[in-house]
N, C-alpha and C. Protein backbone atom coordinates (compact mmCIF):
# COMPACT_ATOMS: atom_id res chain seq x y z
N MET A 1 0.77 -1.27 -0.10
CA MET A 1 -0.05 0.02 0.03
C MET A 1 1.04 1.16 -0.13
N SER A 2 0.63 2.14 -0.85
CA SER A 2 1.42 3.40 -1.06
C SER A 2 0.88 4.46 0.04
N ASN A 3 1.69 5.45 0.36
CA ASN A 3 1.38 6.45 1.33
C ASN A 3 0.12 7.19 0.97
N GLN A 4 0.00 7.28 -0.45
CA GLN A 4 -1.08 7.93 -1.05
C GLN A 4 -2.44 7.12 -0.67
N GLN A 5 -2.32 5.90 -0.70
CA GLN A 5 -3.41 4.97 -0.52
C GLN A 5 -3.81 4.89 0.81
N MET A 6 -2.98 5.15 1.69
CA MET A 6 -3.22 5.24 3.29
C MET A 6 -4.44 6.12 3.77
N THR A 7 -5.33 5.60 4.45
CA THR A 7 -6.23 6.56 4.82
C THR A 7 -5.58 7.14 6.24
N LEU A 8 -6.19 8.26 6.63
CA LEU A 8 -6.07 8.78 8.03
C LEU A 8 -5.84 7.94 9.22
N PHE A 9 -7.12 6.80 9.05
CA PHE A 9 -7.10 5.93 10.19
C PHE A 9 -5.83 5.17 10.21
N ASP A 10 -5.41 4.69 8.79
CA ASP A 10 -4.22 3.73 8.73
C ASP A 10 -3.10 4.47 9.22
N ARG A 11 -2.70 5.67 9.01
CA ARG A 11 -1.65 6.46 9.46
C ARG A 11 -1.66 6.62 11.03
N ALA A 12 -2.73 6.95 11.54
CA ALA A 12 -2.94 6.81 12.88
C ALA A 12 -2.70 5.49 13.42
N THR A 13 -2.99 4.46 12.88
CA THR A 13 -2.72 3.18 13.41
C THR A 13 -1.28 2.79 13.42
N VAL A 14 -0.72 3.09 12.28
CA VAL A 14 0.76 3.18 12.00
C VAL A 14 1.58 3.57 13.23
N ALA A 15 1.16 5.04 13.36
CA ALA A 15 1.76 5.77 14.36
C ALA A 15 1.67 5.26 15.76
N ASP A 16 0.46 4.71 16.04
CA ASP A 16 0.14 4.25 17.37
C ASP A 16 0.95 3.04 17.48
N GLU A 17 1.03 2.22 16.51
CA GLU A 17 1.94 0.98 16.75
C GLU A 17 3.40 1.37 16.87
N LEU A 18 3.86 2.31 16.14
CA LEU A 18 5.22 2.57 16.28
C LEU A 18 5.53 3.31 17.73
N GLN A 19 4.69 4.14 18.29
CA GLN A 19 4.81 4.71 19.48
C GLN A 19 4.80 3.55 20.55
N PHE A 20 3.83 2.76 20.42
CA PHE A 20 3.64 1.55 21.52
C PHE A 20 4.81 0.80 21.47
N SER A 21 5.42 0.63 20.14
CA SER A 21 6.51 -0.35 20.23
C SER A 21 7.80 0.17 20.85
N GLU A 22 7.90 1.42 20.77
CA GLU A 22 9.07 2.27 21.46
C GLU A 22 8.82 2.03 23.05
N PHE A 23 7.46 2.34 23.53
CA PHE A 23 7.12 2.06 24.89
C PHE A 23 7.38 0.66 25.22
N TYR A 24 7.04 -0.32 24.56
CA TYR A 24 7.19 -1.80 25.02
C TYR A 24 8.57 -2.05 25.22
N ARG A 25 9.22 -1.54 23.96
CA ARG A 25 10.85 -1.89 24.15
C ARG A 25 11.49 -1.26 25.17
N GLU A 26 11.24 -0.15 25.60
CA GLU A 26 11.87 0.46 26.72
C GLU A 26 11.32 0.19 28.21
N ASN A 27 10.07 -0.31 28.32
CA ASN A 27 9.49 -0.37 29.51
C ASN A 27 8.98 -1.65 30.04
N LEU A 28 8.82 -2.67 28.92
CA LEU A 28 8.34 -4.06 29.41
C LEU A 28 9.26 -4.92 29.00
N ARG A 29 8.79 -6.19 29.62
CA ARG A 29 9.82 -7.34 29.40
C ARG A 29 8.93 -8.66 29.28
N PRO A 30 8.87 -9.49 28.11
CA PRO A 30 8.00 -10.58 28.08
C PRO A 30 8.71 -11.39 28.99
N MET A 31 7.76 -12.02 29.96
CA MET A 31 8.15 -13.13 31.24
C MET A 31 7.12 -13.97 31.11
N ILE A 32 7.27 -15.01 30.58
CA ILE A 32 6.32 -16.34 30.75
C ILE A 32 6.02 -16.42 32.42
N GLY A 33 4.91 -16.52 32.55
CA GLY A 33 4.49 -16.78 33.97
C GLY A 33 4.12 -15.41 34.84
N GLN A 34 4.39 -14.26 34.19
CA GLN A 34 4.41 -12.95 35.09
C GLN A 34 2.93 -12.21 34.36
N ARG A 35 2.41 -11.53 35.26
CA ARG A 35 1.29 -10.87 34.98
C ARG A 35 1.24 -9.17 35.36
N ILE A 36 0.51 -8.44 34.55
CA ILE A 36 0.74 -6.93 34.94
C ILE A 36 -0.98 -6.61 34.83
N LYS A 37 -1.33 -5.80 35.89
CA LYS A 37 -2.69 -5.47 35.86
C LYS A 37 -2.85 -4.34 34.55
N ALA A 38 -3.87 -4.36 33.81
CA ALA A 38 -4.22 -3.52 32.76
C ALA A 38 -3.97 -1.96 33.26
N SER A 39 -4.42 -1.56 34.48
CA SER A 39 -4.15 -0.24 34.95
C SER A 39 -3.02 0.08 35.06
N GLU A 40 -2.06 -0.84 35.74
CA GLU A 40 -0.88 -0.34 35.76
C GLU A 40 -0.12 -0.10 34.48
N LEU A 41 -0.36 -1.07 33.60
CA LEU A 41 0.23 -1.00 32.33
C LEU A 41 -0.17 0.41 31.58
N ARG A 42 -1.25 0.78 31.88
CA ARG A 42 -1.90 2.08 31.20
C ARG A 42 -1.15 3.04 31.81
N ASN A 43 -1.15 3.22 33.16
CA ASN A 43 -0.57 4.22 33.91
C ASN A 43 0.93 4.39 33.57
N ALA A 44 1.77 3.17 33.40
CA ALA A 44 3.12 3.30 32.97
C ALA A 44 3.10 3.83 31.85
N TYR A 45 2.22 3.62 30.61
CA TYR A 45 2.31 4.00 29.42
C TYR A 45 1.95 5.65 29.40
N LEU A 46 1.18 5.87 30.18
CA LEU A 46 0.70 7.40 30.26
C LEU A 46 1.76 8.17 30.86
N ASP A 47 2.69 7.54 31.96
CA ASP A 47 3.71 8.38 32.30
C ASP A 47 4.79 8.46 31.27
N TRP A 48 5.00 7.39 30.66
CA TRP A 48 6.30 7.36 29.70
C TRP A 48 5.78 8.39 28.66
N ALA A 49 4.61 8.50 28.17
CA ALA A 49 4.21 9.29 26.86
C ALA A 49 4.30 10.56 27.46
N ALA A 50 3.71 10.96 28.79
CA ALA A 50 4.06 12.55 29.22
C ALA A 50 5.54 12.84 29.10
N LYS A 51 6.45 12.07 29.61
CA LYS A 51 7.68 12.38 29.67
C LYS A 51 8.33 12.74 28.49
N LYS A 52 7.77 11.85 27.35
CA LYS A 52 8.41 11.87 25.71
C LYS A 52 7.52 12.78 25.11
N GLY A 53 6.55 13.50 25.77
CA GLY A 53 5.66 14.57 25.03
C GLY A 53 4.84 14.20 23.82
N ARG A 54 4.37 12.65 23.89
CA ARG A 54 3.50 12.07 23.10
C ARG A 54 2.10 12.05 23.43
N GLY A 55 1.54 11.75 22.48
CA GLY A 55 0.05 11.61 22.57
C GLY A 55 -0.40 10.28 23.36
N SER A 56 -1.59 10.30 24.04
CA SER A 56 -1.76 9.08 24.53
C SER A 56 -2.62 8.08 23.83
N LEU A 57 -2.72 6.79 24.28
CA LEU A 57 -3.45 5.78 23.68
C LEU A 57 -4.58 5.32 24.52
N SER A 58 -5.78 5.03 24.03
CA SER A 58 -6.78 4.47 24.85
C SER A 58 -6.64 3.25 25.43
N ALA A 59 -7.15 2.83 26.57
CA ALA A 59 -7.11 1.55 27.33
C ALA A 59 -7.33 0.37 26.18
N VAL A 60 -8.27 0.93 25.44
CA VAL A 60 -8.75 -0.28 24.33
C VAL A 60 -7.57 -0.42 23.29
N ALA A 61 -6.88 0.44 22.96
CA ALA A 61 -5.79 0.52 21.84
C ALA A 61 -4.86 -0.28 22.50
N ILE A 62 -4.26 -0.06 23.85
CA ILE A 62 -3.17 -0.60 24.39
C ILE A 62 -3.63 -2.05 24.43
N ALA A 63 -4.82 -2.48 24.92
CA ALA A 63 -5.12 -3.97 25.00
C ALA A 63 -4.99 -4.45 23.63
N HIS A 64 -5.44 -3.87 22.64
CA HIS A 64 -5.28 -4.42 21.14
C HIS A 64 -3.97 -4.53 20.81
N LEU A 65 -2.88 -3.67 21.30
CA LEU A 65 -1.50 -3.75 20.74
C LEU A 65 -0.92 -4.94 21.76
N MET A 66 -1.16 -5.00 22.87
CA MET A 66 -0.70 -6.16 23.83
C MET A 66 -1.14 -7.46 23.03
N GLU A 67 -2.23 -7.52 22.97
CA GLU A 67 -2.78 -8.89 22.36
C GLU A 67 -2.15 -9.22 21.13
N LYS A 68 -1.79 -8.11 20.12
CA LYS A 68 -1.41 -8.36 18.97
C LYS A 68 0.29 -8.99 19.15
N ARG A 69 0.92 -8.77 20.31
CA ARG A 69 2.17 -9.11 20.69
C ARG A 69 2.16 -10.29 21.44
N GLY A 70 0.94 -10.93 21.45
CA GLY A 70 0.79 -12.11 22.12
C GLY A 70 0.36 -12.28 23.71
N HIS A 71 -0.03 -11.34 24.22
CA HIS A 71 -0.09 -11.39 25.46
C HIS A 71 -1.68 -11.34 25.71
N THR A 72 -2.08 -12.47 26.31
CA THR A 72 -3.61 -12.66 26.62
C THR A 72 -4.15 -11.88 27.62
N ARG A 73 -5.10 -11.41 27.68
CA ARG A 73 -6.05 -10.75 28.58
C ARG A 73 -6.98 -11.68 29.44
N ARG A 74 -6.77 -11.50 30.66
CA ARG A 74 -7.34 -12.26 31.74
C ARG A 74 -7.99 -11.66 32.82
N ARG A 75 -9.25 -11.86 33.21
CA ARG A 75 -9.99 -11.14 34.32
C ARG A 75 -9.83 -11.97 35.61
N SER A 76 -9.05 -11.48 36.54
CA SER A 76 -8.58 -12.02 37.70
C SER A 76 -8.44 -11.00 38.73
N ASN A 77 -9.35 -10.56 39.50
CA ASN A 77 -9.22 -9.46 40.26
C ASN A 77 -8.77 -8.24 39.59
N GLY A 78 -9.47 -8.16 38.47
CA GLY A 78 -9.11 -6.74 37.53
C GLY A 78 -8.82 -7.58 36.37
N VAL A 79 -8.50 -6.64 35.31
CA VAL A 79 -8.03 -7.29 34.01
C VAL A 79 -6.46 -7.19 34.18
N ARG A 80 -5.95 -8.27 33.66
CA ARG A 80 -4.36 -8.27 33.72
C ARG A 80 -4.08 -9.07 32.20
N PHE A 81 -2.71 -8.63 32.05
CA PHE A 81 -2.09 -9.26 30.67
C PHE A 81 -1.03 -10.22 31.27
N LEU A 82 -1.21 -11.47 30.32
CA LEU A 82 -0.37 -12.45 30.77
C LEU A 82 1.12 -12.35 30.14
N ASP A 83 2.11 -13.11 30.94
CA ASP A 83 3.45 -13.19 30.27
C ASP A 83 4.18 -12.08 30.07
N ILE A 84 4.16 -11.00 30.71
CA ILE A 84 4.65 -9.71 30.74
C ILE A 84 4.96 -8.88 32.33
N GLU A 85 6.06 -8.24 32.14
CA GLU A 85 6.21 -7.43 33.39
C GLU A 85 7.00 -5.93 33.05
N LEU A 86 6.89 -5.38 34.02
CA LEU A 86 7.37 -4.03 34.00
C LEU A 86 8.68 -4.16 34.19
N ASN A 87 9.76 -3.52 33.27
CA ASN A 87 11.26 -3.51 33.69
C ASN A 87 11.30 -2.63 35.10
N SER A 88 12.21 -3.24 35.88
CA SER A 88 12.47 -2.71 37.25
C SER A 88 12.69 -1.19 37.36
N GLY A 89 13.66 -0.86 36.16
CA GLY A 89 13.94 0.62 36.27
C GLY A 89 13.02 1.30 35.42
N GLY A 90 12.06 0.68 34.44
CA GLY A 90 11.30 1.20 33.83
C GLY A 90 12.07 2.30 32.52
N GLY A 91 13.43 1.84 32.46
CA GLY A 91 14.06 2.54 31.36
C GLY A 91 14.81 1.82 30.49
N GLY A 92 14.22 0.66 29.98
CA GLY A 92 14.66 -0.30 29.07
C GLY A 92 16.05 -1.09 29.64
N ASP A 93 16.12 -1.32 30.96
CA ASP A 93 17.09 -2.13 31.39
C ASP A 93 17.19 -3.65 31.16
N GLY A 94 15.98 -3.88 30.53
CA GLY A 94 15.94 -5.53 29.97
C GLY A 94 16.83 -5.76 28.80
N ASN A 95 17.22 -6.92 28.47
CA ASN A 95 17.84 -7.37 27.20
C ASN A 95 16.93 -7.23 26.01
N PRO A 96 17.09 -6.25 25.14
CA PRO A 96 15.99 -6.05 23.93
C PRO A 96 15.99 -7.41 23.10
N LEU A 97 17.01 -7.94 22.86
CA LEU A 97 17.05 -9.13 22.20
C LEU A 97 16.22 -10.49 22.85
N MET A 98 16.36 -10.57 24.12
CA MET A 98 15.67 -11.72 24.84
C MET A 98 14.22 -11.30 24.81
N ALA A 99 13.93 -9.90 24.99
CA ALA A 99 12.54 -9.44 25.13
C ALA A 99 11.74 -9.75 23.62
N GLU A 100 12.82 -9.55 22.56
CA GLU A 100 12.03 -9.80 21.28
C GLU A 100 11.90 -11.21 21.21
N ALA A 101 12.85 -11.95 21.46
CA ALA A 101 12.85 -13.41 21.26
C ALA A 101 11.62 -13.97 22.28
N ALA A 102 11.47 -13.52 23.30
CA ALA A 102 10.31 -13.88 24.22
C ALA A 102 8.90 -13.53 23.54
N SER A 103 8.88 -12.24 23.04
CA SER A 103 7.76 -11.84 22.12
C SER A 103 7.52 -12.85 21.19
N MET A 104 8.63 -13.28 20.34
CA MET A 104 8.35 -14.07 19.35
C MET A 104 7.62 -15.59 19.45
N VAL A 105 8.31 -15.96 20.62
CA VAL A 105 7.66 -17.25 21.29
C VAL A 105 6.05 -17.14 21.69
N LEU A 106 5.98 -16.11 22.32
CA LEU A 106 4.48 -15.91 22.76
C LEU A 106 3.66 -15.65 21.64
N ASN A 107 3.85 -14.96 20.52
CA ASN A 107 3.44 -14.97 19.24
C ASN A 107 3.07 -16.27 18.48
N ALA A 108 4.21 -17.07 18.64
CA ALA A 108 4.05 -18.42 18.01
C ALA A 108 3.14 -19.30 18.94
N MET A 109 3.23 -19.20 20.17
CA MET A 109 2.31 -20.05 20.93
C MET A 109 0.95 -19.77 20.64
N GLY A 110 0.59 -18.45 20.60
CA GLY A 110 -0.89 -18.03 20.36
C GLY A 110 -1.13 -18.55 18.95
N ARG A 111 -0.26 -18.35 17.86
CA ARG A 111 -0.65 -19.18 16.59
C ARG A 111 -0.96 -20.45 16.66
N GLN A 112 -0.05 -21.14 17.46
CA GLN A 112 -0.02 -22.44 17.49
C GLN A 112 -1.35 -23.00 18.26
N SER A 113 -2.12 -22.24 19.21
CA SER A 113 -3.22 -22.69 20.05
C SER A 113 -4.52 -22.27 19.03
N ASP A 114 -4.11 -21.17 18.24
CA ASP A 114 -5.25 -20.88 17.35
C ASP A 114 -5.33 -22.11 16.14
N ARG A 115 -4.15 -22.54 15.55
CA ARG A 115 -4.08 -23.76 14.89
C ARG A 115 -4.67 -25.01 15.41
N GLU A 116 -4.47 -25.13 16.82
CA GLU A 116 -5.22 -26.37 17.27
C GLU A 116 -6.72 -26.14 17.48
N ARG A 117 -6.96 -24.92 17.85
CA ARG A 117 -8.44 -24.83 17.92
C ARG A 117 -9.23 -24.97 16.44
N LEU A 118 -8.44 -24.41 15.44
CA LEU A 118 -9.02 -24.73 14.19
C LEU A 118 -9.20 -26.13 13.83
N LEU A 119 -8.01 -26.87 14.03
CA LEU A 119 -7.95 -28.32 13.57
C LEU A 119 -8.87 -29.12 14.52
N ARG A 120 -9.29 -28.84 15.61
CA ARG A 120 -10.30 -29.42 16.60
C ARG A 120 -11.46 -29.21 16.05
N MET A 121 -11.95 -27.92 15.46
CA MET A 121 -13.13 -27.67 14.95
C MET A 121 -13.35 -28.34 13.80
N ARG A 122 -12.24 -28.42 12.82
CA ARG A 122 -12.37 -29.32 11.59
C ARG A 122 -12.71 -30.68 11.88
N LEU A 123 -12.06 -31.23 12.83
CA LEU A 123 -12.24 -32.55 13.10
C LEU A 123 -13.67 -32.97 13.57
N GLN A 124 -14.15 -31.92 14.44
CA GLN A 124 -15.65 -32.14 14.94
C GLN A 124 -16.34 -32.18 13.85
N ASP A 125 -16.12 -31.24 12.85
CA ASP A 125 -17.19 -31.14 11.70
C ASP A 125 -17.07 -32.56 10.87
N MET A 126 -15.82 -32.95 10.62
CA MET A 126 -15.67 -34.38 9.99
C MET A 126 -16.51 -35.15 10.81
N ALA A 127 -16.28 -35.43 11.99
CA ALA A 127 -16.75 -36.37 12.79
C ALA A 127 -18.37 -36.18 12.56
N ALA A 128 -19.02 -35.22 12.53
CA ALA A 128 -20.44 -35.01 12.25
C ALA A 128 -20.84 -35.60 10.90
N GLN A 129 -20.19 -35.12 9.97
CA GLN A 129 -20.25 -35.51 8.57
C GLN A 129 -20.31 -37.11 8.37
N ILE A 130 -19.38 -37.73 9.14
CA ILE A 130 -19.26 -39.10 9.29
C ILE A 130 -20.35 -39.78 9.91
N ASP A 131 -20.79 -39.40 10.83
CA ASP A 131 -22.01 -39.74 11.46
C ASP A 131 -23.14 -39.51 10.74
N SER A 132 -23.37 -38.55 9.95
CA SER A 132 -24.41 -38.33 9.11
C SER A 132 -24.36 -39.32 7.92
N LEU A 133 -23.23 -39.61 7.33
CA LEU A 133 -23.17 -40.66 6.36
C LEU A 133 -23.56 -42.06 6.82
N VAL A 134 -23.10 -42.35 8.28
CA VAL A 134 -23.24 -43.69 8.55
C VAL A 134 -24.76 -43.74 8.73
N ASP A 135 -25.73 -42.61 9.42
CA ASP A 135 -27.07 -42.80 9.40
C ASP A 135 -27.49 -43.07 7.91
N GLN A 136 -27.13 -42.31 6.87
CA GLN A 136 -27.84 -42.52 5.68
C GLN A 136 -27.43 -43.89 5.13
N LEU A 137 -26.18 -44.49 5.26
CA LEU A 137 -25.91 -45.77 5.01
C LEU A 137 -26.76 -46.86 5.68
N GLN A 138 -27.15 -46.45 7.02
CA GLN A 138 -28.13 -47.42 7.64
C GLN A 138 -29.42 -47.43 7.06
N ARG A 139 -29.93 -46.36 6.95
CA ARG A 139 -31.28 -46.00 6.19
C ARG A 139 -31.17 -46.96 4.76
N LEU A 140 -30.32 -46.72 4.09
CA LEU A 140 -30.09 -47.40 2.59
C LEU A 140 -30.16 -48.78 2.94
N GLN A 141 -29.25 -49.39 4.02
CA GLN A 141 -29.33 -50.70 4.21
C GLN A 141 -30.75 -51.26 4.63
N ARG A 142 -31.48 -50.66 5.32
CA ARG A 142 -32.70 -51.10 5.48
C ARG A 142 -33.80 -50.91 4.57
N VAL A 143 -33.58 -50.02 3.62
CA VAL A 143 -34.32 -49.99 2.40
C VAL A 143 -34.16 -51.16 1.59
N VAL A 144 -32.66 -51.23 1.14
CA VAL A 144 -32.43 -52.79 0.38
C VAL A 144 -32.88 -53.99 0.86
N ALA A 145 -32.70 -54.08 2.40
CA ALA A 145 -33.13 -55.24 2.93
C ALA A 145 -34.67 -55.40 2.94
N SER A 146 -35.40 -54.49 2.92
CA SER A 146 -36.88 -54.49 2.94
C SER A 146 -37.24 -54.94 1.60
N GLU A 147 -36.43 -54.46 0.50
CA GLU A 147 -36.80 -54.76 -0.77
C GLU A 147 -36.26 -56.22 -1.18
N LEU A 148 -35.40 -56.65 -0.72
CA LEU A 148 -34.84 -58.03 -0.97
C LEU A 148 -35.80 -59.00 -0.10
N ASP A 149 -36.63 -58.43 1.00
CA ASP A 149 -37.22 -59.51 1.67
C ASP A 149 -38.78 -59.53 0.77
N ALA A 150 -39.11 -58.54 0.13
CA ALA A 150 -40.41 -58.32 -0.43
C ALA A 150 -40.34 -59.17 -1.64
């Protein structure tokens, strides 16, 4: 898509993605088994945005961007994001290569579970089709048997 074809919404989305990516890289660390409250995450983001002189993102936008990076949202005493933590210093003190690798693993795990769900659904559909075929064959068998008996 060329810049001329991008709508205002697309540009805003790209700008939000780039801004959040910077925040994520500097302030968060993917860590399997850890959780962060959505409110703590948004507050950290708002503090970061204010210090950087950036505009803020809505809680919904932040949630979408976190889920896009493979972090599941769970309701447990409030909304929390899984497999993520704030860097202790909040200033990018985590290893960015490890953070990127962990993020890639989380994304792959999400895609794998999506594939597994899709495969289960397909198998259930196939099982239902087989059951239907068995029923049709049994009916056909009864019709043939009654014709042979007649």
